[in-house]
Amino acid sequence: MEARKGDWVMIHNIVLTSEERAPQVPEDTKQVPLESWVKGFLEKDAAIGDEVKITTVTGRKVNGKLVEIHPAYKHNFGDFVPELLQIGIQLKEMLAGGENNA
């Protein structure tokens, strides 16, 4: 897929290889590279996998491998937790001085 100059894209970088990680980090952390994913506006036409330069919303110039064109926000607050539904109700009762003061 081709991206055009000015498209909103996401790039990927290896910031530190596993060998470059600080000695004081936990052992399981040392075994993997430190990676970054940055979103910004593409400086030149490119294809997925190309090394590119982007400009972030704050104006920072960043180089990396093009991994996504028009990336969407995919985060959420996780699955429904029934126990959490009751917390607000119980807290309101406690703060009001019990059921009789609701």
PDB file of N, CA and C in Angstrom:
ATOM      1  N   MET A   1       0.853  -1.180   0.000  1.00  0.00           N
ATOM      2  CA  MET A   1       0.000   0.000   0.000  1.00  0.00           C
ATOM      3  C   MET A   1       0.898   1.243   0.000  1.00  0.00           C
ATOM      4  N   GLU A   2       0.525   2.208  -0.766  1.00  0.00           N
ATOM      5  CA  GLU A   2       1.289   3.438  -0.904  1.00  0.00           C
ATOM      6  C   GLU A   2       0.744   4.536   0.004  1.00  0.00           C
ATOM      7  N   ALA A   3       1.629   5.273   0.597  1.00  0.00           N
ATOM      8  CA  ALA A   3       1.263   6.443   1.399  1.00  0.00           C
ATOM      9  C   ALA A   3       1.777   7.675   0.664  1.00  0.00           C
ATOM     10  N   ARG A   4       1.042   8.731   0.752  1.00  0.00           N
ATOM     11  CA  ARG A   4       1.406   9.969   0.077  1.00  0.00           C
ATOM     12  C   ARG A   4       1.933  10.984   1.077  1.00  0.00           C
ATOM     13  N   LYS A   5       2.761  11.896   0.568  1.00  0.00           N
ATOM     14  CA  LYS A   5       3.287  12.978   1.397  1.00  0.00           C
ATOM     15  C   LYS A   5       2.116  13.666   2.101  1.00  0.00           C
ATOM     16  N   GLY A   6       2.266  13.875   3.409  1.00  0.00           N
ATOM     17  CA  GLY A   6       1.232  14.520   4.208  1.00  0.00           C
ATOM     18  C   GLY A   6       0.254  13.568   4.863  1.00  0.00           C
ATOM     19  N   ASP A   7       0.264  12.273   4.473  1.00  0.00           N
ATOM     20  CA  ASP A   7      -0.628  11.293   5.108  1.00  0.00           C
ATOM     21  C   ASP A   7      -0.241  11.107   6.572  1.00  0.00           C
ATOM     22  N   TRP A   8      -1.241  10.828   7.400  1.00  0.00           N
ATOM     23  CA  TRP A   8      -1.043  10.489   8.808  1.00  0.00           C
ATOM     24  C   TRP A   8      -0.613   9.033   8.865  1.00  0.00           C
ATOM     25  N   VAL A   9       0.558   8.760   9.416  1.00  0.00           N
ATOM     26  CA  VAL A   9       1.118   7.410   9.417  1.00  0.00           C
ATOM     27  C   VAL A   9       1.729   7.081  10.775  1.00  0.00           C
ATOM     28  N   MET A  10       2.098   5.798  10.925  1.00  0.00           N
ATOM     29  CA  MET A  10       2.823   5.375  12.124  1.00  0.00           C
ATOM     30  C   MET A  10       4.119   4.698  11.688  1.00  0.00           C
ATOM     31  N   ILE A  11       5.197   5.033  12.400  1.00  0.00           N
ATOM     32  CA  ILE A  11       6.499   4.423  12.136  1.00  0.00           C
ATOM     33  C   ILE A  11       6.954   3.643  13.361  1.00  0.00           C
ATOM     34  N   HIS A  12       7.937   2.768  13.137  1.00  0.00           N
ATOM     35  CA  HIS A  12       8.484   1.929  14.200  1.00  0.00           C
ATOM     36  C   HIS A  12       9.992   2.078  14.216  1.00  0.00           C
ATOM     37  N   ASN A  13      10.566   2.074  15.409  1.00  0.00           N
ATOM     38  CA  ASN A  13      12.016   2.161  15.603  1.00  0.00           C
ATOM     39  C   ASN A  13      12.454   1.217  16.708  1.00  0.00           C
ATOM     40  N   ILE A  14      13.664   0.703  16.573  1.00  0.00           N
ATOM     41  CA  ILE A  14      14.337   0.027  17.683  1.00  0.00           C
ATOM     42  C   ILE A  14      15.207   1.100  18.332  1.00  0.00           C
ATOM     43  N   VAL A  15      14.852   1.511  19.545  1.00  0.00           N
ATOM     44  CA  VAL A  15      15.587   2.553  20.251  1.00  0.00           C
ATOM     45  C   VAL A  15      16.884   1.983  20.812  1.00  0.00           C
ATOM     46  N   LEU A  16      16.777   0.835  21.473  1.00  0.00           N
ATOM     47  CA  LEU A  16      17.949   0.130  22.014  1.00  0.00           C
ATOM     48  C   LEU A  16      17.791  -1.352  21.719  1.00  0.00           C
ATOM     49  N   THR A  17      18.855  -1.990  21.253  1.00  0.00           N
ATOM     50  CA  THR A  17      18.823  -3.441  21.103  1.00  0.00           C
ATOM     51  C   THR A  17      18.880  -4.069  22.494  1.00  0.00           C
ATOM     52  N   SER A  18      18.631  -5.359  22.566  1.00  0.00           N
ATOM     53  CA  SER A  18      18.681  -6.025  23.877  1.00  0.00           C
ATOM     54  C   SER A  18      20.082  -5.924  24.490  1.00  0.00           C
ATOM     55  N   GLU A  19      21.107  -5.900  23.654  1.00  0.00           N
ATOM     56  CA  GLU A  19      22.482  -5.785  24.158  1.00  0.00           C
ATOM     57  C   GLU A  19      22.775  -4.388  24.705  1.00  0.00           C
ATOM     58  N   GLU A  20      22.072  -3.385  24.233  1.00  0.00           N
ATOM     59  CA  GLU A  20      22.308  -2.004  24.655  1.00  0.00           C
ATOM     60  C   GLU A  20      21.501  -1.598  25.886  1.00  0.00           C
ATOM     61  N   ARG A  21      20.607  -2.473  26.361  1.00  0.00           N
ATOM     62  CA  ARG A  21      19.771  -2.136  27.504  1.00  0.00           C
ATOM     63  C   ARG A  21      20.617  -1.942  28.757  1.00  0.00           C
ATOM     64  N   ALA A  22      20.153  -1.095  29.659  1.00  0.00           N
ATOM     65  CA  ALA A  22      20.883  -0.807  30.896  1.00  0.00           C
ATOM     66  C   ALA A  22      21.008  -2.073  31.747  1.00  0.00           C
ATOM     67  N   PRO A  23      22.128  -2.231  32.449  1.00  0.00           N
ATOM     68  CA  PRO A  23      22.342  -3.455  33.235  1.00  0.00           C
ATOM     69  C   PRO A  23      21.371  -3.604  34.406  1.00  0.00           C
ATOM     70  N   GLN A  24      20.802  -2.502  34.881  1.00  0.00           N
ATOM     71  CA  GLN A  24      19.931  -2.593  36.060  1.00  0.00           C
ATOM     72  C   GLN A  24      18.473  -2.942  35.732  1.00  0.00           C
ATOM     73  N   VAL A  25      18.122  -3.060  34.447  1.00  0.00           N
ATOM     74  CA  VAL A  25      16.735  -3.411  34.125  1.00  0.00           C
ATOM     75  C   VAL A  25      16.503  -4.887  34.430  1.00  0.00           C
ATOM     76  N   PRO A  26      15.260  -5.278  34.700  1.00  0.00           N
ATOM     77  CA  PRO A  26      14.968  -6.688  35.009  1.00  0.00           C
ATOM     78  C   PRO A  26      15.427  -7.612  33.876  1.00  0.00           C
ATOM     79  N   GLU A  27      15.742  -8.828  34.233  1.00  0.00           N
ATOM     80  CA  GLU A  27      16.298  -9.794  33.276  1.00  0.00           C
ATOM     81  C   GLU A  27      15.376 -10.022  32.077  1.00  0.00           C
ATOM     82  N   ASP A  28      14.073 -10.153  32.316  1.00  0.00           N
ATOM     83  CA  ASP A  28      13.163 -10.383  31.188  1.00  0.00           C
ATOM     84  C   ASP A  28      13.094  -9.159  30.267  1.00  0.00           C
ATOM     85  N   THR A  29      13.281  -7.964  30.818  1.00  0.00           N
ATOM     86  CA  THR A  29      13.280  -6.743  30.019  1.00  0.00           C
ATOM     87  C   THR A  29      14.540  -6.664  29.162  1.00  0.00           C
ATOM     88  N   LYS A  30      15.669  -7.094  29.716  1.00  0.00           N
ATOM     89  CA  LYS A  30      16.934  -7.075  28.981  1.00  0.00           C
ATOM     90  C   LYS A  30      16.898  -7.952  27.736  1.00  0.00           C
ATOM     91  N   GLN A  31      16.021  -8.928  27.709  1.00  0.00           N
ATOM     92  CA  GLN A  31      15.985  -9.891  26.615  1.00  0.00           C
ATOM     93  C   GLN A  31      15.302  -9.363  25.360  1.00  0.00           C
ATOM     94  N   VAL A  32      14.649  -8.209  25.452  1.00  0.00           N
ATOM     95  CA  VAL A  32      13.940  -7.667  24.289  1.00  0.00           C
ATOM     96  C   VAL A  32      14.406  -6.247  24.010  1.00  0.00           C
ATOM     97  N   PRO A  33      14.317  -5.799  22.757  1.00  0.00           N
ATOM     98  CA  PRO A  33      14.729  -4.431  22.447  1.00  0.00           C
ATOM     99  C   PRO A  33      13.721  -3.412  22.978  1.00  0.00           C
ATOM    100  N   LEU A  34      14.194  -2.181  23.170  1.00  0.00           N
ATOM    101  CA  LEU A  34      13.313  -1.067  23.504  1.00  0.00           C
ATOM    102  C   LEU A  34      12.822  -0.500  22.179  1.00  0.00           C
ATOM    103  N   GLU A  35      11.513  -0.506  21.975  1.00  0.00           N
ATOM    104  CA  GLU A  35      10.931  -0.099  20.703  1.00  0.00           C
ATOM    105  C   GLU A  35      10.070   1.143  20.868  1.00  0.00           C
ATOM    106  N   SER A  36       9.876   1.864  19.763  1.00  0.00           N
ATOM    107  CA  SER A  36       8.965   3.010  19.786  1.00  0.00           C
ATOM    108  C   SER A  36       8.112   3.003  18.535  1.00  0.00           C
ATOM    109  N   TRP A  37       6.895   3.443  18.689  1.00  0.00           N
ATOM    110  CA  TRP A  37       5.968   3.641  17.593  1.00  0.00           C
ATOM    111  C   TRP A  37       5.524   5.093  17.682  1.00  0.00           C
ATOM    112  N   VAL A  38       5.662   5.826  16.588  1.00  0.00           N
ATOM    113  CA  VAL A  38       5.368   7.259  16.582  1.00  0.00           C
ATOM    114  C   VAL A  38       4.453   7.569  15.408  1.00  0.00           C
ATOM    115  N   LYS A  39       3.458   8.427  15.652  1.00  0.00           N
ATOM    116  CA  LYS A  39       2.547   8.852  14.589  1.00  0.00           C
ATOM    117  C   LYS A  39       2.897  10.261  14.141  1.00  0.00           C
ATOM    118  N   GLY A  40       2.704  10.513  12.859  1.00  0.00           N
ATOM    119  CA  GLY A  40       2.974  11.836  12.332  1.00  0.00           C
ATOM    120  C   GLY A  40       2.636  11.936  10.857  1.00  0.00           C
ATOM    121  N   PHE A  41       3.005  13.063  10.258  1.00  0.00           N
ATOM    122  CA  PHE A  41       2.718  13.336   8.859  1.00  0.00           C
ATOM    123  C   PHE A  41       3.929  12.968   8.008  1.00  0.00           C
ATOM    124  N   LEU A  42       3.698  12.178   6.977  1.00  0.00           N
ATOM    125  CA  LEU A  42       4.752  11.674   6.113  1.00  0.00           C
ATOM    126  C   LEU A  42       5.376  12.797   5.290  1.00  0.00           C
ATOM    127  N   GLU A  43       6.713  12.806   5.212  1.00  0.00           N
ATOM    128  CA  GLU A  43       7.440  13.843   4.480  1.00  0.00           C
ATOM    129  C   GLU A  43       7.497  13.586   2.973  1.00  0.00           C
ATOM    130  N   LYS A  44       7.528  12.308   2.545  1.00  0.00           N
ATOM    131  CA  LYS A  44       7.599  11.945   1.124  1.00  0.00           C
ATOM    132  C   LYS A  44       6.770  10.694   0.879  1.00  0.00           C
ATOM    133  N   ASP A  45       6.306  10.494  -0.342  1.00  0.00           N
ATOM    134  CA  ASP A  45       5.585   9.275  -0.705  1.00  0.00           C
ATOM    135  C   ASP A  45       6.415   8.052  -0.323  1.00  0.00           C
ATOM    136  N   ALA A  46       5.742   6.996   0.128  1.00  0.00           N
ATOM    137  CA  ALA A  46       6.443   5.786   0.562  1.00  0.00           C
ATOM    138  C   ALA A  46       5.482   4.607   0.603  1.00  0.00           C
ATOM    139  N   ALA A  47       6.058   3.414   0.785  1.00  0.00           N
ATOM    140  CA  ALA A  47       5.273   2.189   0.926  1.00  0.00           C
ATOM    141  C   ALA A  47       5.552   1.580   2.297  1.00  0.00           C
ATOM    142  N   ILE A  48       4.634   0.740   2.754  1.00  0.00           N
ATOM    143  CA  ILE A  48       4.820   0.028   4.018  1.00  0.00           C
ATOM    144  C   ILE A  48       6.174  -0.680   3.976  1.00  0.00           C
ATOM    145  N   GLY A  49       6.940  -0.544   5.039  1.00  0.00           N
ATOM    146  CA  GLY A  49       8.255  -1.163   5.143  1.00  0.00           C
ATOM    147  C   GLY A  49       9.403  -0.237   4.772  1.00  0.00           C
ATOM    148  N   ASP A  50       9.105   0.878   4.114  1.00  0.00           N
ATOM    149  CA  ASP A  50      10.155   1.835   3.743  1.00  0.00           C
ATOM    150  C   ASP A  50      10.640   2.605   4.963  1.00  0.00           C
ATOM    151  N   GLU A  51      11.914   3.013   4.940  1.00  0.00           N
ATOM    152  CA  GLU A  51      12.450   3.933   5.940  1.00  0.00           C
ATOM    153  C   GLU A  51      12.001   5.337   5.535  1.00  0.00           C
ATOM    154  N   VAL A  52      11.338   6.042   6.456  1.00  0.00           N
ATOM    155  CA  VAL A  52      10.741   7.337   6.138  1.00  0.00           C
ATOM    156  C   VAL A  52      11.040   8.359   7.225  1.00  0.00           C
ATOM    157  N   LYS A  53      10.684   9.595   6.941  1.00  0.00           N
ATOM    158  CA  LYS A  53      10.757  10.669   7.925  1.00  0.00           C
ATOM    159  C   LYS A  53       9.346  11.233   8.073  1.00  0.00           C
ATOM    160  N   ILE A  54       8.954  11.475   9.332  1.00  0.00           N
ATOM    161  CA  ILE A  54       7.652  12.076   9.612  1.00  0.00           C
ATOM    162  C   ILE A  54       7.844  13.332  10.458  1.00  0.00           C
ATOM    163  N   THR A  55       6.796  14.142  10.486  1.00  0.00           N
ATOM    164  CA  THR A  55       6.742  15.289  11.386  1.00  0.00           C
ATOM    165  C   THR A  55       5.563  15.059  12.321  1.00  0.00           C
ATOM    166  N   THR A  56       5.829  15.046  13.623  1.00  0.00           N
ATOM    167  CA  THR A  56       4.767  14.817  14.601  1.00  0.00           C
ATOM    168  C   THR A  56       3.914  16.076  14.747  1.00  0.00           C
ATOM    169  N   VAL A  57       2.821  15.954  15.451  1.00  0.00           N
ATOM    170  CA  VAL A  57       1.938  17.092  15.696  1.00  0.00           C
ATOM    171  C   VAL A  57       2.680  18.214  16.413  1.00  0.00           C
ATOM    172  N   THR A  58       3.659  17.856  17.225  1.00  0.00           N
ATOM    173  CA  THR A  58       4.429  18.869  17.965  1.00  0.00           C
ATOM    174  C   THR A  58       5.589  19.431  17.148  1.00  0.00           C
ATOM    175  N   GLY A  59       5.751  18.960  15.896  1.00  0.00           N
ATOM    176  CA  GLY A  59       6.798  19.486  15.036  1.00  0.00           C
ATOM    177  C   GLY A  59       8.110  18.733  15.072  1.00  0.00           C
ATOM    178  N   ARG A  60       8.175  17.653  15.833  1.00  0.00           N
ATOM    179  CA  ARG A  60       9.405  16.864  15.928  1.00  0.00           C
ATOM    180  C   ARG A  60       9.575  16.027  14.665  1.00  0.00           C
ATOM    181  N   LYS A  61      10.783  15.940  14.128  1.00  0.00           N
ATOM    182  CA  LYS A  61      11.111  15.120  12.959  1.00  0.00           C
ATOM    183  C   LYS A  61      11.637  13.788  13.458  1.00  0.00           C
ATOM    184  N   VAL A  62      11.067  12.687  12.963  1.00  0.00           N
ATOM    185  CA  VAL A  62      11.447  11.357  13.423  1.00  0.00           C
ATOM    186  C   VAL A  62      11.593  10.438  12.215  1.00  0.00           C
ATOM    187  N   ASN A  63      12.642   9.619  12.205  1.00  0.00           N
ATOM    188  CA  ASN A  63      12.860   8.617  11.159  1.00  0.00           C
ATOM    189  C   ASN A  63      12.455   7.253  11.683  1.00  0.00           C
ATOM    190  N   GLY A  64      11.986   6.393  10.782  1.00  0.00           N
ATOM    191  CA  GLY A  64      11.649   5.033  11.161  1.00  0.00           C
ATOM    192  C   GLY A  64      11.046   4.270  10.009  1.00  0.00           C
ATOM    193  N   LYS A  65      10.673   3.007  10.273  1.00  0.00           N
ATOM    194  CA  LYS A  65      10.069   2.157   9.256  1.00  0.00           C
ATOM    195  C   LYS A  65       8.563   2.390   9.236  1.00  0.00           C
ATOM    196  N   LEU A  66       8.026   2.654   8.053  1.00  0.00           N
ATOM    197  CA  LEU A  66       6.587   2.875   7.897  1.00  0.00           C
ATOM    198  C   LEU A  66       5.849   1.566   8.150  1.00  0.00           C
ATOM    199  N   VAL A  67       4.948   1.562   9.151  1.00  0.00           N
ATOM    200  CA  VAL A  67       4.229   0.335   9.500  1.00  0.00           C
ATOM    201  C   VAL A  67       2.716   0.446   9.316  1.00  0.00           C
ATOM    202  N   GLU A  68       2.178   1.672   9.273  1.00  0.00           N
ATOM    203  CA  GLU A  68       0.723   1.798   9.134  1.00  0.00           C
ATOM    204  C   GLU A  68       0.369   3.150   8.526  1.00  0.00           C
ATOM    205  N   ILE A  69      -0.630   3.123   7.652  1.00  0.00           N
ATOM    206  CA  ILE A  69      -1.140   4.338   7.028  1.00  0.00           C
ATOM    207  C   ILE A  69      -2.511   4.620   7.616  1.00  0.00           C
ATOM    208  N   HIS A  70      -2.751   5.850   8.002  1.00  0.00           N
ATOM    209  CA  HIS A  70      -3.993   6.273   8.668  1.00  0.00           C
ATOM    210  C   HIS A  70      -4.293   5.400   9.885  1.00  0.00           C
ATOM    211  N   PRO A  71      -3.367   5.326  10.842  1.00  0.00           N
ATOM    212  CA  PRO A  71      -3.582   4.469  12.018  1.00  0.00           C
ATOM    213  C   PRO A  71      -4.761   4.954  12.853  1.00  0.00           C
ATOM    214  N   ALA A  72      -5.506   3.988  13.354  1.00  0.00           N
ATOM    215  CA  ALA A  72      -6.661   4.293  14.201  1.00  0.00           C
ATOM    216  C   ALA A  72      -6.287   4.096  15.663  1.00  0.00           C
ATOM    217  N   TYR A  73      -7.034   4.731  16.548  1.00  0.00           N
ATOM    218  CA  TYR A  73      -6.856   4.485  17.979  1.00  0.00           C
ATOM    219  C   TYR A  73      -7.555   3.176  18.305  1.00  0.00           C
ATOM    220  N   LYS A  74      -6.825   2.240  18.922  1.00  0.00           N
ATOM    221  CA  LYS A  74      -7.368   0.907  19.176  1.00  0.00           C
ATOM    222  C   LYS A  74      -7.436   0.577  20.661  1.00  0.00           C
ATOM    223  N   HIS A  75      -7.172   1.560  21.516  1.00  0.00           N
ATOM    224  CA  HIS A  75      -7.176   1.273  22.948  1.00  0.00           C
ATOM    225  C   HIS A  75      -8.601   1.302  23.489  1.00  0.00           C
ATOM    226  N   ASN A  76      -8.784   0.652  24.608  1.00  0.00           N
ATOM    227  CA  ASN A  76     -10.070   0.690  25.305  1.00  0.00           C
ATOM    228  C   ASN A  76      -9.790   0.513  26.793  1.00  0.00           C
ATOM    229  N   PHE A  77     -10.812   0.405  27.567  1.00  0.00           N
ATOM    230  CA  PHE A  77     -10.637   0.259  29.005  1.00  0.00           C
ATOM    231  C   PHE A  77     -10.832  -1.184  29.456  1.00  0.00           C
ATOM    232  N   GLY A  78     -10.719  -2.128  28.525  1.00  0.00           N
ATOM    233  CA  GLY A  78     -10.783  -3.538  28.861  1.00  0.00           C
ATOM    234  C   GLY A  78     -12.196  -4.078  28.897  1.00  0.00           C
ATOM    235  N   ASP A  79     -12.300  -5.327  29.297  1.00  0.00           N
ATOM    236  CA  ASP A  79     -13.580  -6.011  29.367  1.00  0.00           C
ATOM    237  C   ASP A  79     -14.401  -5.520  30.553  1.00  0.00           C
ATOM    238  N   PHE A  80     -15.688  -5.738  30.475  1.00  0.00           N
ATOM    239  CA  PHE A  80     -16.606  -5.384  31.553  1.00  0.00           C
ATOM    240  C   PHE A  80     -16.252  -6.184  32.799  1.00  0.00           C
ATOM    241  N   VAL A  81     -16.210  -5.501  33.953  1.00  0.00           N
ATOM    242  CA  VAL A  81     -15.920  -6.141  35.239  1.00  0.00           C
ATOM    243  C   VAL A  81     -17.127  -5.890  36.140  1.00  0.00           C
ATOM    244  N   PRO A  82     -17.959  -6.903  36.383  1.00  0.00           N
ATOM    245  CA  PRO A  82     -19.191  -6.712  37.141  1.00  0.00           C
ATOM    246  C   PRO A  82     -18.971  -6.098  38.520  1.00  0.00           C
ATOM    247  N   GLU A  83     -17.867  -6.463  39.171  1.00  0.00           N
ATOM    248  CA  GLU A  83     -17.604  -5.944  40.512  1.00  0.00           C
ATOM    249  C   GLU A  83     -17.452  -4.420  40.506  1.00  0.00           C
ATOM    250  N   LEU A  84     -16.905  -3.879  39.427  1.00  0.00           N
ATOM    251  CA  LEU A  84     -16.698  -2.437  39.364  1.00  0.00           C
ATOM    252  C   LEU A  84     -18.007  -1.669  39.234  1.00  0.00           C
ATOM    253  N   LEU A  85     -19.015  -2.305  38.691  1.00  0.00           N
ATOM    254  CA  LEU A  85     -20.313  -1.655  38.542  1.00  0.00           C
ATOM    255  C   LEU A  85     -20.892  -1.245  39.894  1.00  0.00           C
ATOM    256  N   GLN A  86     -20.666  -2.041  40.912  1.00  0.00           N
ATOM    257  CA  GLN A  86     -21.240  -1.787  42.238  1.00  0.00           C
ATOM    258  C   GLN A  86     -20.430  -0.776  43.049  1.00  0.00           C
ATOM    259  N   ILE A  87     -19.178  -0.546  42.686  1.00  0.00           N
ATOM    260  CA  ILE A  87     -18.324   0.338  43.480  1.00  0.00           C
ATOM    261  C   ILE A  87     -18.896   1.743  43.577  1.00  0.00           C
ATOM    262  N   GLY A  88     -19.324   2.314  42.448  1.00  0.00           N
ATOM    263  CA  GLY A  88     -19.886   3.670  42.476  1.00  0.00           C
ATOM    264  C   GLY A  88     -21.124   3.762  43.346  1.00  0.00           C
ATOM    265  N   ILE A  89     -21.968   2.765  43.248  1.00  0.00           N
ATOM    266  CA  ILE A  89     -23.203   2.734  44.044  1.00  0.00           C
ATOM    267  C   ILE A  89     -22.869   2.638  45.529  1.00  0.00           C
ATOM    268  N   GLN A  90     -21.951   1.728  45.893  1.00  0.00           N
ATOM    269  CA  GLN A  90     -21.575   1.550  47.291  1.00  0.00           C
ATOM    270  C   GLN A  90     -20.868   2.785  47.839  1.00  0.00           C
ATOM    271  N   LEU A  91     -20.013   3.393  47.032  1.00  0.00           N
ATOM    272  CA  LEU A  91     -19.291   4.582  47.483  1.00  0.00           C
ATOM    273  C   LEU A  91     -20.250   5.731  47.747  1.00  0.00           C
ATOM    274  N   LYS A  92     -21.218   5.912  46.872  1.00  0.00           N
ATOM    275  CA  LYS A  92     -22.208   6.975  47.068  1.00  0.00           C
ATOM    276  C   LYS A  92     -22.963   6.768  48.383  1.00  0.00           C
ATOM    277  N   GLU A  93     -23.324   5.542  48.669  1.00  0.00           N
ATOM    278  CA  GLU A  93     -24.012   5.236  49.923  1.00  0.00           C
ATOM    279  C   GLU A  93     -23.126   5.530  51.129  1.00  0.00           C
ATOM    280  N   MET A  94     -21.863   5.146  51.046  1.00  0.00           N
ATOM    281  CA  MET A  94     -20.944   5.362  52.169  1.00  0.00           C
ATOM    282  C   MET A  94     -20.711   6.847  52.410  1.00  0.00           C
ATOM    283  N   LEU A  95     -20.529   7.614  51.360  1.00  0.00           N
ATOM    284  CA  LEU A  95     -20.265   9.043  51.493  1.00  0.00           C
ATOM    285  C   LEU A  95     -21.494   9.808  51.987  1.00  0.00           C
ATOM    286  N   ALA A  96     -22.670   9.310  51.652  1.00  0.00           N
ATOM    287  CA  ALA A  96     -23.904   9.973  52.062  1.00  0.00           C
ATOM    288  C   ALA A  96     -24.325   9.565  53.470  1.00  0.00           C
ATOM    289  N   GLY A  97     -23.619   8.619  54.052  1.00  0.00           N
ATOM    290  CA  GLY A  97     -23.941   8.191  55.412  1.00  0.00           C
ATOM    291  C   GLY A  97     -24.846   6.997  55.479  1.00  0.00           C
ATOM    292  N   GLY A  98     -24.916   6.222  54.427  1.00  0.00           N
ATOM    293  CA  GLY A  98     -25.711   5.015  54.434  1.00  0.00           C
ATOM    294  C   GLY A  98     -26.921   5.120  53.525  1.00  0.00           C
ATOM    295  N   GLU A  99     -27.667   4.024  53.452  1.00  0.00           N
ATOM    296  CA  GLU A  99     -28.823   3.939  52.559  1.00  0.00           C
ATOM    297  C   GLU A  99     -29.900   4.957  52.919  1.00  0.00           C
ATOM    298  N   ASN A 100     -30.049   5.271  54.159  1.00  0.00           N
ATOM    299  CA  ASN A 100     -31.136   6.165  54.603  1.00  0.00           C
ATOM    300  C   ASN A 100     -30.920   7.610  54.160  1.00  0.00           C
ATOM    301  N   ASN A 101     -29.701   7.990  53.811  1.00  0.00           N
ATOM    302  CA  ASN A 101     -29.405   9.363  53.424  1.00  0.00           C
ATOM    303  C   ASN A 101     -29.258   9.544  51.917  1.00  0.00           C
ATOM    304  N   ALA A 102     -29.621   8.565  51.129  1.00  0.00           N
ATOM    305  CA  ALA A 102     -29.439   8.638  49.662  1.00  0.00           C
ATOM    306  C   ALA A 102     -30.394   9.608  49.042  1.00  0.00           C
TER     307      ALA A 102
END
